[in-house]
Amino acid sequence: MSTAQTPNVWVPVCCDRVMRYNVFRQSDGSAYGALLCAVCNKNITLELEQIADLNVYGDGARALSLLASPKPPNAERRKAADAVDNDKTL
């Protein structure tokens, strides 16, 4: 991973709203996270893993900074094109 940090983060959005993020612990001690859309109930499961080497995921794999909240704002998001102008990571 690069040591240079960018001030931008990725925000998971579905149905023009920020997705909710919850963490669950299983009985064997492992954990996983889930992004959930409160409008359409679409969900994305995230498994916790050690990040030793991104190359095992294929050429060009990157780690992303992700913003997640168990209680995101209940408001429509502005369009992504408005924020892309100042993003130096794209």
N, C-alpha and C. Protein backbone atom coordinates (compact mmCIF):
# COMPACT_ATOMS: atom_id res chain seq x y z
N MET A 1 0.83 -1.18 0.00
CA MET A 1 0.00 0.00 0.00
C MET A 1 0.87 1.24 0.00
N SER A 2 0.36 2.26 -0.57
CA SER A 2 1.08 3.52 -0.63
C SER A 2 1.02 4.21 0.73
N THR A 3 2.11 4.88 1.09
CA THR A 3 2.12 5.61 2.36
C THR A 3 1.42 6.95 2.22
N ALA A 4 1.26 7.44 1.01
CA ALA A 4 0.58 8.71 0.80
C ALA A 4 -0.93 8.51 0.96
N GLN A 5 -1.53 9.31 1.80
CA GLN A 5 -2.97 9.22 2.03
C GLN A 5 -3.69 10.31 1.25
N THR A 6 -4.81 9.97 0.64
CA THR A 6 -5.62 10.96 -0.03
C THR A 6 -6.77 11.35 0.89
N PRO A 7 -7.23 12.59 0.84
CA PRO A 7 -8.29 13.02 1.74
C PRO A 7 -9.67 12.48 1.33
N ASN A 8 -9.74 11.74 0.24
CA ASN A 8 -11.02 11.24 -0.25
C ASN A 8 -11.29 9.82 0.24
N VAL A 9 -12.57 9.50 0.43
CA VAL A 9 -12.99 8.15 0.80
C VAL A 9 -14.14 7.75 -0.11
N TRP A 10 -14.32 6.45 -0.26
CA TRP A 10 -15.46 5.92 -1.02
C TRP A 10 -16.63 5.78 -0.06
N VAL A 11 -17.83 6.18 -0.50
CA VAL A 11 -19.03 6.10 0.31
C VAL A 11 -19.99 5.13 -0.39
N PRO A 12 -20.37 4.02 0.26
CA PRO A 12 -21.29 3.07 -0.37
C PRO A 12 -22.70 3.66 -0.44
N VAL A 13 -23.23 3.78 -1.66
CA VAL A 13 -24.52 4.40 -1.88
C VAL A 13 -25.41 3.47 -2.68
N CYS A 14 -26.67 3.39 -2.30
CA CYS A 14 -27.67 2.63 -3.04
C CYS A 14 -28.98 3.41 -2.93
N CYS A 15 -29.73 3.46 -4.01
CA CYS A 15 -31.01 4.19 -4.01
C CYS A 15 -30.83 5.64 -3.55
N ASP A 16 -29.72 6.27 -3.93
CA ASP A 16 -29.40 7.66 -3.59
C ASP A 16 -29.24 7.91 -2.09
N ARG A 17 -28.98 6.87 -1.31
CA ARG A 17 -28.76 7.02 0.13
C ARG A 17 -27.52 6.25 0.55
N VAL A 18 -26.87 6.70 1.61
CA VAL A 18 -25.70 6.01 2.14
C VAL A 18 -26.15 4.69 2.75
N MET A 19 -25.42 3.61 2.44
CA MET A 19 -25.77 2.30 2.98
C MET A 19 -25.36 2.19 4.45
N ARG A 20 -26.12 1.45 5.21
CA ARG A 20 -25.83 1.21 6.62
C ARG A 20 -24.80 0.09 6.74
N TYR A 21 -23.90 0.19 7.73
CA TYR A 21 -22.87 -0.82 7.94
C TYR A 21 -23.02 -1.43 9.33
N ASN A 22 -23.08 -2.75 9.39
CA ASN A 22 -23.17 -3.46 10.66
C ASN A 22 -22.07 -4.51 10.73
N VAL A 23 -21.57 -4.75 11.92
CA VAL A 23 -20.55 -5.78 12.15
C VAL A 23 -21.19 -6.88 12.99
N PHE A 24 -20.93 -8.14 12.61
CA PHE A 24 -21.49 -9.29 13.31
C PHE A 24 -20.36 -10.20 13.77
N ARG A 25 -20.48 -10.72 14.97
CA ARG A 25 -19.51 -11.66 15.50
C ARG A 25 -20.16 -13.04 15.56
N GLN A 26 -19.44 -14.04 15.02
CA GLN A 26 -19.97 -15.40 15.02
C GLN A 26 -19.52 -16.13 16.28
N SER A 27 -20.15 -17.26 16.56
CA SER A 27 -19.86 -18.01 17.79
C SER A 27 -18.42 -18.52 17.84
N ASP A 28 -17.78 -18.72 16.66
CA ASP A 28 -16.39 -19.19 16.64
C ASP A 28 -15.38 -18.05 16.81
N GLY A 29 -15.87 -16.81 17.01
CA GLY A 29 -14.98 -15.68 17.23
C GLY A 29 -14.67 -14.87 15.99
N SER A 30 -14.99 -15.39 14.82
CA SER A 30 -14.75 -14.63 13.59
C SER A 30 -15.81 -13.54 13.44
N ALA A 31 -15.53 -12.57 12.58
CA ALA A 31 -16.46 -11.46 12.39
C ALA A 31 -16.63 -11.18 10.90
N TYR A 32 -17.73 -10.57 10.56
CA TYR A 32 -17.95 -10.10 9.19
C TYR A 32 -18.80 -8.84 9.25
N GLY A 33 -18.76 -8.08 8.19
CA GLY A 33 -19.54 -6.86 8.10
C GLY A 33 -20.54 -6.95 6.97
N ALA A 34 -21.56 -6.13 7.03
CA ALA A 34 -22.56 -6.10 5.98
C ALA A 34 -22.98 -4.66 5.71
N LEU A 35 -22.98 -4.29 4.43
CA LEU A 35 -23.54 -3.01 4.00
C LEU A 35 -24.97 -3.29 3.60
N LEU A 36 -25.93 -2.47 4.05
CA LEU A 36 -27.34 -2.70 3.80
C LEU A 36 -28.00 -1.42 3.31
N CYS A 37 -28.80 -1.56 2.26
CA CYS A 37 -29.60 -0.44 1.76
C CYS A 37 -30.93 -0.47 2.50
N ALA A 38 -31.27 0.62 3.19
CA ALA A 38 -32.51 0.69 3.95
C ALA A 38 -33.73 0.86 3.04
N VAL A 39 -33.52 1.19 1.76
CA VAL A 39 -34.64 1.38 0.84
C VAL A 39 -35.02 0.08 0.15
N CYS A 40 -34.05 -0.60 -0.49
CA CYS A 40 -34.36 -1.80 -1.28
C CYS A 40 -33.89 -3.10 -0.63
N ASN A 41 -33.24 -3.01 0.54
CA ASN A 41 -32.73 -4.17 1.29
C ASN A 41 -31.60 -4.92 0.59
N LYS A 42 -30.96 -4.32 -0.40
CA LYS A 42 -29.78 -4.94 -1.01
C LYS A 42 -28.68 -4.97 0.04
N ASN A 43 -27.91 -6.06 0.08
CA ASN A 43 -26.82 -6.12 1.05
C ASN A 43 -25.55 -6.65 0.41
N ILE A 44 -24.43 -6.25 0.98
CA ILE A 44 -23.10 -6.67 0.55
C ILE A 44 -22.38 -7.16 1.79
N THR A 45 -21.88 -8.39 1.75
CA THR A 45 -21.17 -8.97 2.89
C THR A 45 -19.68 -8.76 2.73
N LEU A 46 -19.01 -8.33 3.81
CA LEU A 46 -17.58 -8.09 3.82
C LEU A 46 -16.94 -9.01 4.84
N GLU A 47 -15.93 -9.77 4.41
CA GLU A 47 -15.22 -10.66 5.33
C GLU A 47 -13.92 -10.02 5.78
N LEU A 48 -13.58 -10.17 7.05
CA LEU A 48 -12.37 -9.61 7.61
C LEU A 48 -11.17 -10.48 7.23
N GLU A 49 -10.12 -9.86 6.75
CA GLU A 49 -8.94 -10.59 6.31
C GLU A 49 -7.68 -9.78 6.60
N GLN A 50 -6.56 -10.46 6.84
CA GLN A 50 -5.28 -9.78 6.99
C GLN A 50 -4.82 -9.29 5.63
N ILE A 51 -4.24 -8.13 5.55
CA ILE A 51 -3.82 -7.57 4.27
C ILE A 51 -2.30 -7.63 4.18
N ALA A 52 -1.80 -8.79 3.86
CA ALA A 52 -0.35 -8.98 3.76
C ALA A 52 0.16 -8.54 2.39
N ASP A 53 -0.49 -8.99 1.35
CA ASP A 53 -0.01 -8.70 0.00
C ASP A 53 -1.21 -8.59 -0.94
N LEU A 54 -1.42 -7.41 -1.50
CA LEU A 54 -2.55 -7.21 -2.41
C LEU A 54 -2.39 -7.95 -3.73
N ASN A 55 -1.17 -8.32 -4.08
CA ASN A 55 -0.94 -8.99 -5.36
C ASN A 55 -1.63 -10.35 -5.45
N VAL A 56 -1.97 -10.97 -4.32
CA VAL A 56 -2.65 -12.26 -4.37
C VAL A 56 -4.07 -12.11 -4.93
N TYR A 57 -4.59 -10.89 -4.98
CA TYR A 57 -5.93 -10.63 -5.51
C TYR A 57 -5.91 -10.28 -7.00
N GLY A 58 -4.74 -10.28 -7.60
CA GLY A 58 -4.65 -10.00 -9.03
C GLY A 58 -3.92 -8.71 -9.31
N ASP A 59 -3.56 -8.56 -10.57
CA ASP A 59 -2.81 -7.40 -11.01
C ASP A 59 -3.65 -6.13 -10.86
N GLY A 60 -3.12 -5.12 -10.24
CA GLY A 60 -3.81 -3.85 -10.09
C GLY A 60 -4.75 -3.77 -8.91
N ALA A 61 -4.75 -4.77 -8.00
CA ALA A 61 -5.63 -4.73 -6.83
C ALA A 61 -5.25 -3.56 -5.93
N ARG A 62 -6.25 -2.90 -5.37
CA ARG A 62 -6.02 -1.75 -4.51
C ARG A 62 -6.86 -1.88 -3.24
N ALA A 63 -6.38 -1.31 -2.17
CA ALA A 63 -7.16 -1.19 -0.94
C ALA A 63 -7.84 0.18 -0.98
N LEU A 64 -9.12 0.23 -0.65
CA LEU A 64 -9.88 1.47 -0.69
C LEU A 64 -10.18 1.95 0.72
N SER A 65 -10.22 3.25 0.89
CA SER A 65 -10.71 3.83 2.13
C SER A 65 -12.22 3.91 2.01
N LEU A 66 -12.93 3.32 2.97
CA LEU A 66 -14.38 3.23 2.90
C LEU A 66 -14.99 3.86 4.14
N LEU A 67 -15.98 4.69 3.96
CA LEU A 67 -16.69 5.30 5.07
C LEU A 67 -17.93 4.46 5.35
N ALA A 68 -18.12 4.03 6.59
CA ALA A 68 -19.27 3.21 6.94
C ALA A 68 -19.81 3.64 8.29
N SER A 69 -21.13 3.59 8.44
CA SER A 69 -21.77 4.03 9.67
C SER A 69 -22.99 3.15 9.97
N PRO A 70 -23.22 2.79 11.24
CA PRO A 70 -24.42 2.03 11.57
C PRO A 70 -25.68 2.89 11.48
N LYS A 71 -25.53 4.22 11.54
CA LYS A 71 -26.68 5.13 11.42
C LYS A 71 -26.33 6.25 10.44
N PRO A 72 -26.35 5.96 9.14
CA PRO A 72 -26.01 7.00 8.16
C PRO A 72 -27.11 8.04 8.08
N PRO A 73 -26.82 9.19 7.48
CA PRO A 73 -27.85 10.23 7.34
C PRO A 73 -29.00 9.73 6.48
N ASN A 74 -30.19 10.15 6.83
CA ASN A 74 -31.39 9.72 6.10
C ASN A 74 -31.76 10.79 5.07
N ALA A 75 -30.82 11.09 4.18
CA ALA A 75 -31.04 12.13 3.17
C ALA A 75 -30.47 11.66 1.84
N GLU A 76 -31.04 12.16 0.76
CA GLU A 76 -30.51 11.81 -0.56
C GLU A 76 -29.13 12.41 -0.73
N ARG A 77 -28.27 11.68 -1.47
CA ARG A 77 -26.90 12.13 -1.71
C ARG A 77 -26.85 12.99 -2.96
N ARG A 78 -25.88 13.92 -2.99
CA ARG A 78 -25.65 14.67 -4.22
C ARG A 78 -25.04 13.71 -5.24
N LYS A 79 -25.11 14.04 -6.47
CA LYS A 79 -24.58 13.19 -7.53
C LYS A 79 -23.07 13.12 -7.46
N ALA A 80 -22.50 11.95 -7.72
CA ALA A 80 -21.06 11.73 -7.61
C ALA A 80 -20.27 12.62 -8.56
N ALA A 81 -20.83 12.98 -9.69
CA ALA A 81 -20.11 13.81 -10.67
C ALA A 81 -19.74 15.17 -10.08
N ASP A 82 -20.49 15.64 -9.09
CA ASP A 82 -20.18 16.93 -8.46
C ASP A 82 -18.87 16.87 -7.68
N ALA A 83 -18.52 15.71 -7.12
CA ALA A 83 -17.34 15.58 -6.28
C ALA A 83 -16.11 15.09 -7.02
N VAL A 84 -16.27 14.60 -8.24
CA VAL A 84 -15.15 13.98 -8.97
C VAL A 84 -14.13 15.02 -9.43
N ASP A 85 -14.52 16.24 -9.59
CA ASP A 85 -13.63 17.27 -10.12
C ASP A 85 -12.35 17.43 -9.32
N ASN A 86 -12.41 17.27 -7.99
CA ASN A 86 -11.22 17.48 -7.17
C ASN A 86 -10.57 16.18 -6.73
N ASP A 87 -11.00 15.04 -7.25
CA ASP A 87 -10.44 13.74 -6.84
C ASP A 87 -9.22 13.39 -7.66
N LYS A 88 -8.06 13.38 -7.00
CA LYS A 88 -6.80 13.09 -7.69
C LYS A 88 -6.51 11.58 -7.76
N THR A 89 -7.40 10.75 -7.17
CA THR A 89 -7.16 9.30 -7.15
C THR A 89 -7.69 8.59 -8.39
N LEU A 90 -8.52 9.25 -9.17
CA LEU A 90 -9.10 8.60 -10.35
C LEU A 90 -8.21 8.72 -11.55
